[in-house]
């Protein structure tokens, strides 16, 4: 019985790990680190959440929107006219 639960957990875990996201490459290209996103966010956000977003751990739509808003705010603070949408930063839908 416990073996079945462990297997279910692995399957669910694989569905939540979706691979490195475009957010990761864009943050690197714009030289934005995790701390910059956390500092720019107007809503609660942790460094751990940013790391999860970059590495492809499935986030809720609400948290994805927070990431987008924070990333765009960092770019705005740095004088960039670039602005990204949720679909440009994440390759999956929550």
PDB file of N, CA and C in Angstrom:
ATOM      1  N   UNK A   1       0.816  -1.188   0.000  1.00  0.00           N
ATOM      2  CA  UNK A   1       0.000   0.000   0.000  1.00  0.00           C
ATOM      3  C   UNK A   1       0.864   1.259   0.000  1.00  0.00           C
ATOM      4  N   UNK A   2       1.911   1.287   0.845  1.00  0.00           N
ATOM      5  CA  UNK A   2       2.764   2.473   0.903  1.00  0.00           C
ATOM      6  C   UNK A   2       3.559   2.652  -0.392  1.00  0.00           C
ATOM      7  N   UNK A   3       3.845   1.545  -1.093  1.00  0.00           N
ATOM      8  CA  UNK A   3       4.541   1.629  -2.372  1.00  0.00           C
ATOM      9  C   UNK A   3       3.720   2.357  -3.418  1.00  0.00           C
ATOM     10  N   UNK A   4       2.406   2.157  -3.374  1.00  0.00           N
ATOM     11  CA  UNK A   4       1.536   2.855  -4.318  1.00  0.00           C
ATOM     12  C   UNK A   4       1.553   4.349  -4.055  1.00  0.00           C
ATOM     13  N   UNK A   5       1.512   4.736  -2.789  1.00  0.00           N
ATOM     14  CA  UNK A   5       1.536   6.159  -2.448  1.00  0.00           C
ATOM     15  C   UNK A   5       2.844   6.799  -2.881  1.00  0.00           C
ATOM     16  N   UNK A   6       3.940   6.103  -2.706  1.00  0.00           N
ATOM     17  CA  UNK A   6       5.234   6.644  -3.114  1.00  0.00           C
ATOM     18  C   UNK A   6       5.264   6.844  -4.630  1.00  0.00           C
ATOM     19  N   UNK A   7       4.736   5.884  -5.347  1.00  0.00           N
ATOM     20  CA  UNK A   7       4.695   6.002  -6.805  1.00  0.00           C
ATOM     21  C   UNK A   7       3.815   7.173  -7.231  1.00  0.00           C
ATOM     22  N   UNK A   8       2.660   7.339  -6.587  1.00  0.00           N
ATOM     23  CA  UNK A   8       1.783   8.461  -6.900  1.00  0.00           C
ATOM     24  C   UNK A   8       2.498   9.785  -6.667  1.00  0.00           C
ATOM     25  N   UNK A   9       3.249   9.851  -5.582  1.00  0.00           N
ATOM     26  CA  UNK A   9       3.992  11.069  -5.275  1.00  0.00           C
ATOM     27  C   UNK A   9       5.026  11.391  -6.328  1.00  0.00           C
ATOM     28  N   UNK A  10       5.703  10.359  -6.844  1.00  0.00           N
ATOM     29  CA  UNK A  10       6.700  10.578  -7.890  1.00  0.00           C
ATOM     30  C   UNK A  10       6.037  11.088  -9.156  1.00  0.00           C
ATOM     31  N   UNK A  11       4.906  10.496  -9.514  1.00  0.00           N
ATOM     32  CA  UNK A  11       4.218  10.943 -10.722  1.00  0.00           C
ATOM     33  C   UNK A  11       3.751  12.382 -10.576  1.00  0.00           C
ATOM     34  N   UNK A  12       3.182  12.709  -9.435  1.00  0.00           N
ATOM     35  CA  UNK A  12       2.745  14.079  -9.211  1.00  0.00           C
ATOM     36  C   UNK A  12       3.928  15.025  -9.207  1.00  0.00           C
ATOM     37  N   UNK A  13       5.050  14.614  -8.656  1.00  0.00           N
ATOM     38  CA  UNK A  13       6.240  15.448  -8.635  1.00  0.00           C
ATOM     39  C   UNK A  13       6.764  15.730 -10.029  1.00  0.00           C
ATOM     40  N   UNK A  14       6.737  14.726 -10.898  1.00  0.00           N
ATOM     41  CA  UNK A  14       7.202  14.922 -12.265  1.00  0.00           C
ATOM     42  C   UNK A  14       6.326  15.906 -13.009  1.00  0.00           C
ATOM     43  N   UNK A  15       5.043  15.907 -12.727  1.00  0.00           N
ATOM     44  CA  UNK A  15       4.142  16.832 -13.394  1.00  0.00           C
ATOM     45  C   UNK A  15       4.381  18.264 -12.930  1.00  0.00           C
ATOM     46  N   UNK A  16       4.912  18.429 -11.730  1.00  0.00           N
ATOM     47  CA  UNK A  16       5.154  19.770 -11.194  1.00  0.00           C
ATOM     48  C   UNK A  16       6.504  20.322 -11.617  1.00  0.00           C
ATOM     49  N   UNK A  17       7.439  19.469 -12.003  1.00  0.00           N
ATOM     50  CA  UNK A  17       8.753  19.919 -12.440  1.00  0.00           C
ATOM     51  C   UNK A  17       8.760  19.984 -13.964  1.00  0.00           C
ATOM     52  N   UNK A  18       8.725  21.197 -14.474  1.00  0.00           N
ATOM     53  CA  UNK A  18       8.511  21.390 -15.904  1.00  0.00           C
ATOM     54  C   UNK A  18       9.739  21.891 -16.650  1.00  0.00           C
ATOM     55  N   UNK A  19      10.882  21.809 -16.041  1.00  0.00           N
ATOM     56  CA  UNK A  19      12.112  22.213 -16.717  1.00  0.00           C
ATOM     57  C   UNK A  19      12.375  23.706 -16.598  1.00  0.00           C
ATOM     58  N   UNK A  20      13.599  24.076 -16.871  1.00  0.00           N
ATOM     59  CA  UNK A  20      14.008  25.477 -16.765  1.00  0.00           C
ATOM     60  C   UNK A  20      13.095  26.330 -17.638  1.00  0.00           C
ATOM     61  N   UNK A  21      12.653  27.429 -17.072  1.00  0.00           N
ATOM     62  CA  UNK A  21      11.698  28.306 -17.744  1.00  0.00           C
ATOM     63  C   UNK A  21      12.388  29.458 -18.467  1.00  0.00           C
ATOM     64  N   UNK A  22      11.708  30.061 -19.439  1.00  0.00           N
ATOM     65  CA  UNK A  22      12.272  31.225 -20.126  1.00  0.00           C
ATOM     66  C   UNK A  22      12.643  32.356 -19.161  1.00  0.00           C
ATOM     67  N   UNK A  23      11.951  32.448 -18.044  1.00  0.00           N
ATOM     68  CA  UNK A  23      12.268  33.441 -17.020  1.00  0.00           C
ATOM     69  C   UNK A  23      13.742  33.375 -16.630  1.00  0.00           C
ATOM     70  N   UNK A  24      14.276  32.179 -16.497  1.00  0.00           N
ATOM     71  CA  UNK A  24      15.671  31.992 -16.100  1.00  0.00           C
ATOM     72  C   UNK A  24      16.618  32.643 -17.107  1.00  0.00           C
ATOM     73  N   UNK A  25      16.426  32.375 -18.373  1.00  0.00           N
ATOM     74  CA  UNK A  25      17.296  32.933 -19.413  1.00  0.00           C
ATOM     75  C   UNK A  25      17.147  34.451 -19.504  1.00  0.00           C
ATOM     76  N   UNK A  26      15.924  34.948 -19.367  1.00  0.00           N
ATOM     77  CA  UNK A  26      15.709  36.388 -19.440  1.00  0.00           C
ATOM     78  C   UNK A  26      16.323  37.106 -18.238  1.00  0.00           C
ATOM     79  N   UNK A  27      16.232  36.483 -17.072  1.00  0.00           N
ATOM     80  CA  UNK A  27      16.869  37.083 -15.902  1.00  0.00           C
ATOM     81  C   UNK A  27      18.378  37.140 -16.095  1.00  0.00           C
ATOM     82  N   UNK A  28      18.955  36.092 -16.641  1.00  0.00           N
ATOM     83  CA  UNK A  28      20.397  36.074 -16.901  1.00  0.00           C
ATOM     84  C   UNK A  28      20.771  37.126 -17.957  1.00  0.00           C
ATOM     85  N   UNK A  29      19.980  37.218 -19.005  1.00  0.00           N
ATOM     86  CA  UNK A  29      20.263  38.174 -20.081  1.00  0.00           C
ATOM     87  C   UNK A  29      20.210  39.625 -19.589  1.00  0.00           C
ATOM     88  N   UNK A  30      19.280  39.896 -18.693  1.00  0.00           N
ATOM     89  CA  UNK A  30      19.132  41.256 -18.151  1.00  0.00           C
ATOM     90  C   UNK A  30      19.929  41.462 -16.860  1.00  0.00           C
ATOM     91  N   UNK A  31      20.707  40.440 -16.485  1.00  0.00           N
ATOM     92  CA  UNK A  31      21.524  40.487 -15.266  1.00  0.00           C
ATOM     93  C   UNK A  31      20.695  40.815 -14.028  1.00  0.00           C
ATOM     94  N   UNK A  32      19.575  40.109 -13.899  1.00  0.00           N
ATOM     95  CA  UNK A  32      18.684  40.258 -12.749  1.00  0.00           C
ATOM     96  C   UNK A  32      18.856  39.026 -11.873  1.00  0.00           C
ATOM     97  N   UNK A  33      19.107  39.236 -10.587  1.00  0.00           N
ATOM     98  CA  UNK A  33      19.225  38.094  -9.687  1.00  0.00           C
ATOM     99  C   UNK A  33      17.918  37.913  -8.894  1.00  0.00           C
ATOM    100  N   UNK A  34      17.851  36.822  -8.173  1.00  0.00           N
ATOM    101  CA  UNK A  34      16.642  36.501  -7.414  1.00  0.00           C
ATOM    102  C   UNK A  34      16.294  37.612  -6.433  1.00  0.00           C
ATOM    103  N   UNK A  35      17.309  38.162  -5.779  1.00  0.00           N
ATOM    104  CA  UNK A  35      17.062  39.205  -4.782  1.00  0.00           C
ATOM    105  C   UNK A  35      16.407  40.439  -5.410  1.00  0.00           C
ATOM    106  N   UNK A  36      16.807  40.791  -6.611  1.00  0.00           N
ATOM    107  CA  UNK A  36      16.231  41.956  -7.277  1.00  0.00           C
ATOM    108  C   UNK A  36      14.724  41.769  -7.483  1.00  0.00           C
ATOM    109  N   UNK A  37      14.305  40.556  -7.851  1.00  0.00           N
ATOM    110  CA  UNK A  37      12.876  40.289  -8.023  1.00  0.00           C
ATOM    111  C   UNK A  37      12.140  40.395  -6.698  1.00  0.00           C
ATOM    112  N   UNK A  38      12.706  39.816  -5.649  1.00  0.00           N
ATOM    113  CA  UNK A  38      12.064  39.862  -4.332  1.00  0.00           C
ATOM    114  C   UNK A  38      11.947  41.314  -3.869  1.00  0.00           C
ATOM    115  N   UNK A  39      12.991  42.080  -4.043  1.00  0.00           N
ATOM    116  CA  UNK A  39      12.991  43.480  -3.600  1.00  0.00           C
ATOM    117  C   UNK A  39      12.000  44.336  -4.389  1.00  0.00           C
ATOM    118  N   UNK A  40      11.820  44.033  -5.667  1.00  0.00           N
ATOM    119  CA  UNK A  40      10.938  44.829  -6.523  1.00  0.00           C
ATOM    120  C   UNK A  40       9.467  44.457  -6.378  1.00  0.00           C
ATOM    121  N   UNK A  41       9.195  43.307  -5.811  1.00  0.00           N
ATOM    122  CA  UNK A  41       7.814  42.842  -5.710  1.00  0.00           C
ATOM    123  C   UNK A  41       7.024  43.675  -4.705  1.00  0.00           C
ATOM    124  N   UNK A  42       5.814  44.051  -5.100  1.00  0.00           N
ATOM    125  CA  UNK A  42       4.929  44.778  -4.185  1.00  0.00           C
ATOM    126  C   UNK A  42       4.087  43.818  -3.360  1.00  0.00           C
ATOM    127  N   UNK A  43       4.099  42.544  -3.737  1.00  0.00           N
ATOM    128  CA  UNK A  43       3.374  41.512  -3.006  1.00  0.00           C
ATOM    129  C   UNK A  43       4.388  40.554  -2.387  1.00  0.00           C
ATOM    130  N   UNK A  44       3.970  39.796  -1.373  1.00  0.00           N
ATOM    131  CA  UNK A  44       4.910  38.863  -0.740  1.00  0.00           C
ATOM    132  C   UNK A  44       5.510  37.871  -1.741  1.00  0.00           C
ATOM    133  N   UNK A  45       6.840  37.773  -1.697  1.00  0.00           N
ATOM    134  CA  UNK A  45       7.561  36.853  -2.567  1.00  0.00           C
ATOM    135  C   UNK A  45       8.863  36.475  -1.862  1.00  0.00           C
ATOM    136  N   UNK A  46       9.243  35.229  -1.977  1.00  0.00           N
ATOM    137  CA  UNK A  46      10.482  34.776  -1.339  1.00  0.00           C
ATOM    138  C   UNK A  46      11.522  34.423  -2.388  1.00  0.00           C
ATOM    139  N   UNK A  47      12.772  34.373  -1.946  1.00  0.00           N
ATOM    140  CA  UNK A  47      13.855  33.952  -2.836  1.00  0.00           C
ATOM    141  C   UNK A  47      13.626  32.515  -3.290  1.00  0.00           C
ATOM    142  N   UNK A  48      13.099  31.712  -2.405  1.00  0.00           N
ATOM    143  CA  UNK A  48      12.820  30.308  -2.726  1.00  0.00           C
ATOM    144  C   UNK A  48      11.769  30.205  -3.838  1.00  0.00           C
ATOM    145  N   UNK A  49      10.757  31.053  -3.805  1.00  0.00           N
ATOM    146  CA  UNK A  49       9.727  31.045  -4.840  1.00  0.00           C
ATOM    147  C   UNK A  49      10.308  31.429  -6.192  1.00  0.00           C
ATOM    148  N   UNK A  50      11.212  32.402  -6.195  1.00  0.00           N
ATOM    149  CA  UNK A  50      11.852  32.825  -7.443  1.00  0.00           C
ATOM    150  C   UNK A  50      12.683  31.676  -8.005  1.00  0.00           C
ATOM    151  N   UNK A  51      13.429  31.010  -7.139  1.00  0.00           N
ATOM    152  CA  UNK A  51      14.247  29.885  -7.588  1.00  0.00           C
ATOM    153  C   UNK A  51      13.364  28.786  -8.168  1.00  0.00           C
ATOM    154  N   UNK A  52      12.262  28.509  -7.529  1.00  0.00           N
ATOM    155  CA  UNK A  52      11.324  27.499  -8.046  1.00  0.00           C
ATOM    156  C   UNK A  52      10.792  27.899  -9.415  1.00  0.00           C
ATOM    157  N   UNK A  53      10.469  29.174  -9.562  1.00  0.00           N
ATOM    158  CA  UNK A  53       9.956  29.663 -10.848  1.00  0.00           C
ATOM    159  C   UNK A  53      10.990  29.488 -11.949  1.00  0.00           C
ATOM    160  N   UNK A  54      12.238  29.803 -11.659  1.00  0.00           N
ATOM    161  CA  UNK A  54      13.298  29.711 -12.657  1.00  0.00           C
ATOM    162  C   UNK A  54      13.555  28.269 -13.082  1.00  0.00           C
ATOM    163  N   UNK A  55      13.515  27.360 -12.130  1.00  0.00           N
ATOM    164  CA  UNK A  55      13.847  25.958 -12.406  1.00  0.00           C
ATOM    165  C   UNK A  55      12.669  25.135 -12.905  1.00  0.00           C
ATOM    166  N   UNK A  56      11.482  25.735 -12.937  1.00  0.00           N
ATOM    167  CA  UNK A  56      10.354  25.043 -13.546  1.00  0.00           C
ATOM    168  C   UNK A  56       9.437  24.310 -12.597  1.00  0.00           C
ATOM    169  N   UNK A  57       9.522  24.596 -11.331  1.00  0.00           N
ATOM    170  CA  UNK A  57       8.554  24.024 -10.399  1.00  0.00           C
ATOM    171  C   UNK A  57       7.228  24.718 -10.668  1.00  0.00           C
ATOM    172  N   UNK A  58       6.183  23.955 -10.866  1.00  0.00           N
ATOM    173  CA  UNK A  58       4.902  24.535 -11.245  1.00  0.00           C
ATOM    174  C   UNK A  58       4.377  25.467 -10.157  1.00  0.00           C
ATOM    175  N   UNK A  59       4.067  26.698 -10.552  1.00  0.00           N
ATOM    176  CA  UNK A  59       3.539  27.708  -9.649  1.00  0.00           C
ATOM    177  C   UNK A  59       2.079  27.969  -9.972  1.00  0.00           C
ATOM    178  N   UNK A  60       1.381  28.538  -9.014  1.00  0.00           N
ATOM    179  CA  UNK A  60      -0.001  28.951  -9.274  1.00  0.00           C
ATOM    180  C   UNK A  60       0.014  30.123 -10.247  1.00  0.00           C
ATOM    181  N   UNK A  61      -1.092  30.364 -10.885  1.00  0.00           N
ATOM    182  CA  UNK A  61      -1.208  31.491 -11.814  1.00  0.00           C
ATOM    183  C   UNK A  61      -0.947  32.807 -11.067  1.00  0.00           C
ATOM    184  N   UNK A  62      -1.451  32.895  -9.849  1.00  0.00           N
ATOM    185  CA  UNK A  62      -1.265  34.106  -9.048  1.00  0.00           C
ATOM    186  C   UNK A  62       0.226  34.379  -8.804  1.00  0.00           C
ATOM    187  N   UNK A  63       0.976  33.360  -8.445  1.00  0.00           N
ATOM    188  CA  UNK A  63       2.408  33.537  -8.198  1.00  0.00           C
ATOM    189  C   UNK A  63       3.145  33.841  -9.503  1.00  0.00           C
ATOM    190  N   UNK A  64       2.717  33.240 -10.594  1.00  0.00           N
ATOM    191  CA  UNK A  64       3.325  33.567 -11.884  1.00  0.00           C
ATOM    192  C   UNK A  64       3.136  35.057 -12.185  1.00  0.00           C
ATOM    193  N   UNK A  65       1.937  35.566 -11.939  1.00  0.00           N
ATOM    194  CA  UNK A  65       1.668  36.986 -12.184  1.00  0.00           C
ATOM    195  C   UNK A  65       2.550  37.877 -11.306  1.00  0.00           C
ATOM    196  N   UNK A  66       2.779  37.460 -10.063  1.00  0.00           N
ATOM    197  CA  UNK A  66       3.674  38.213  -9.183  1.00  0.00           C
ATOM    198  C   UNK A  66       5.076  38.271  -9.769  1.00  0.00           C
ATOM    199  N   UNK A  67       5.534  37.146 -10.303  1.00  0.00           N
ATOM    200  CA  UNK A  67       6.876  37.088 -10.901  1.00  0.00           C
ATOM    201  C   UNK A  67       6.969  38.031 -12.097  1.00  0.00           C
ATOM    202  N   UNK A  68       5.951  38.005 -12.932  1.00  0.00           N
ATOM    203  CA  UNK A  68       5.927  38.874 -14.117  1.00  0.00           C
ATOM    204  C   UNK A  68       5.960  40.337 -13.696  1.00  0.00           C
ATOM    205  N   UNK A  69       5.122  40.701 -12.740  1.00  0.00           N
ATOM    206  CA  UNK A  69       5.063  42.092 -12.282  1.00  0.00           C
ATOM    207  C   UNK A  69       6.397  42.522 -11.689  1.00  0.00           C
ATOM    208  N   UNK A  70       7.002  41.671 -10.881  1.00  0.00           N
ATOM    209  CA  UNK A  70       8.281  42.006 -10.262  1.00  0.00           C
ATOM    210  C   UNK A  70       9.386  42.123 -11.310  1.00  0.00           C
ATOM    211  N   UNK A  71       9.412  41.203 -12.272  1.00  0.00           N
ATOM    212  CA  UNK A  71      10.437  41.245 -13.319  1.00  0.00           C
ATOM    213  C   UNK A  71      10.304  42.524 -14.146  1.00  0.00           C
ATOM    214  N   UNK A  72       9.084  42.846 -14.526  1.00  0.00           N
ATOM    215  CA  UNK A  72       8.868  44.070 -15.303  1.00  0.00           C
ATOM    216  C   UNK A  72       9.220  45.311 -14.485  1.00  0.00           C
ATOM    217  N   UNK A  73       8.972  45.291 -13.183  1.00  0.00           N
ATOM    218  CA  UNK A  73       9.320  46.414 -12.318  1.00  0.00           C
ATOM    219  C   UNK A  73      10.836  46.587 -12.244  1.00  0.00           C
ATOM    220  N   UNK A  74      11.577  45.497 -12.132  1.00  0.00           N
ATOM    221  CA  UNK A  74      13.041  45.578 -12.108  1.00  0.00           C
ATOM    222  C   UNK A  74      13.545  46.208 -13.408  1.00  0.00           C
ATOM    223  N   UNK A  75      13.006  45.760 -14.535  1.00  0.00           N
ATOM    224  CA  UNK A  75      13.434  46.313 -15.820  1.00  0.00           C
ATOM    225  C   UNK A  75      13.116  47.800 -15.900  1.00  0.00           C
ATOM    226  N   UNK A  76      11.939  48.172 -15.423  1.00  0.00           N
ATOM    227  CA  UNK A  76      11.533  49.583 -15.431  1.00  0.00           C
ATOM    228  C   UNK A  76      12.483  50.413 -14.569  1.00  0.00           C
ATOM    229  N   UNK A  77      12.831  49.907 -13.387  1.00  0.00           N
ATOM    230  CA  UNK A  77      13.753  50.614 -12.488  1.00  0.00           C
ATOM    231  C   UNK A  77      15.125  50.797 -13.119  1.00  0.00           C
ATOM    232  N   UNK A  78      15.494  49.882 -13.987  1.00  0.00           N
ATOM    233  CA  UNK A  78      16.809  49.949 -14.636  1.00  0.00           C
ATOM    234  C   UNK A  78      16.777  50.753 -15.936  1.00  0.00           C
ATOM    235  N   UNK A  79      15.617  51.326 -16.249  1.00  0.00           N
ATOM    236  CA  UNK A  79      15.505  52.173 -17.427  1.00  0.00           C
ATOM    237  C   UNK A  79      15.229  51.432 -18.716  1.00  0.00           C
ATOM    238  N   UNK A  80      14.912  50.158 -18.632  1.00  0.00           N
ATOM    239  CA  UNK A  80      14.618  49.374 -19.834  1.00  0.00           C
ATOM    240  C   UNK A  80      13.162  49.570 -20.244  1.00  0.00           C
ATOM    241  N   UNK A  81      12.929  49.611 -21.524  1.00  0.00           N
ATOM    242  CA  UNK A  81      11.563  49.718 -22.029  1.00  0.00           C
ATOM    243  C   UNK A  81      10.959  48.347 -22.309  1.00  0.00           C
ATOM    244  N   UNK A  82      11.746  47.294 -22.095  1.00  0.00           N
ATOM    245  CA  UNK A  82      11.243  45.937 -22.292  1.00  0.00           C
ATOM    246  C   UNK A  82      10.170  45.635 -21.264  1.00  0.00           C
ATOM    247  N   UNK A  83       9.180  44.866 -21.706  1.00  0.00           N
ATOM    248  CA  UNK A  83       8.119  44.424 -20.810  1.00  0.00           C
ATOM    249  C   UNK A  83       7.692  43.040 -21.283  1.00  0.00           C
ATOM    250  N   UNK A  84       7.489  42.141 -20.348  1.00  0.00           N
ATOM    251  CA  UNK A  84       7.190  40.761 -20.695  1.00  0.00           C
ATOM    252  C   UNK A  84       5.841  40.333 -20.144  1.00  0.00           C
ATOM    253  N   UNK A  85       5.217  39.405 -20.854  1.00  0.00           N
ATOM    254  CA  UNK A  85       3.942  38.848 -20.422  1.00  0.00           C
ATOM    255  C   UNK A  85       4.184  37.493 -19.774  1.00  0.00           C
ATOM    256  N   UNK A  86       3.157  36.991 -19.140  1.00  0.00           N
ATOM    257  CA  UNK A  86       3.236  35.694 -18.481  1.00  0.00           C
ATOM    258  C   UNK A  86       3.662  34.606 -19.462  1.00  0.00           C
ATOM    259  N   UNK A  87       3.155  34.659 -20.673  1.00  0.00           N
ATOM    260  CA  UNK A  87       3.450  33.621 -21.659  1.00  0.00           C
ATOM    261  C   UNK A  87       4.880  33.696 -22.191  1.00  0.00           C
ATOM    262  N   UNK A  88       5.530  34.832 -22.017  1.00  0.00           N
ATOM    263  CA  UNK A  88       6.931  34.968 -22.435  1.00  0.00           C
ATOM    264  C   UNK A  88       7.889  34.438 -21.349  1.00  0.00           C
ATOM    265  N   UNK A  89       7.428  34.442 -20.093  1.00  0.00           N
ATOM    266  CA  UNK A  89       8.289  34.046 -18.981  1.00  0.00           C
ATOM    267  C   UNK A  89       8.107  32.591 -18.566  1.00  0.00           C
ATOM    268  N   UNK A  90       6.939  32.026 -18.854  1.00  0.00           N
ATOM    269  CA  UNK A  90       6.643  30.652 -18.442  1.00  0.00           C
ATOM    270  C   UNK A  90       6.162  29.850 -19.643  1.00  0.00           C
ATOM    271  N   UNK A  91       6.647  28.617 -19.750  1.00  0.00           N
ATOM    272  CA  UNK A  91       6.302  27.774 -20.901  1.00  0.00           C
ATOM    273  C   UNK A  91       5.130  26.844 -20.600  1.00  0.00           C
ATOM    274  N   UNK A  92       4.442  27.064 -19.515  1.00  0.00           N
ATOM    275  CA  UNK A  92       3.292  26.233 -19.147  1.00  0.00           C
ATOM    276  C   UNK A  92       2.183  27.117 -18.589  1.00  0.00           C
ATOM    277  N   UNK A  93       0.991  26.567 -18.526  1.00  0.00           N
ATOM    278  CA  UNK A  93      -0.131  27.288 -17.923  1.00  0.00           C
ATOM    279  C   UNK A  93      -0.496  26.608 -16.616  1.00  0.00           C
ATOM    280  N   UNK A  94      -0.684  27.429 -15.591  1.00  0.00           N
ATOM    281  CA  UNK A  94      -1.027  26.879 -14.263  1.00  0.00           C
ATOM    282  C   UNK A  94      -2.470  26.425 -14.229  1.00  0.00           C
TER     283      UNK A  94
END
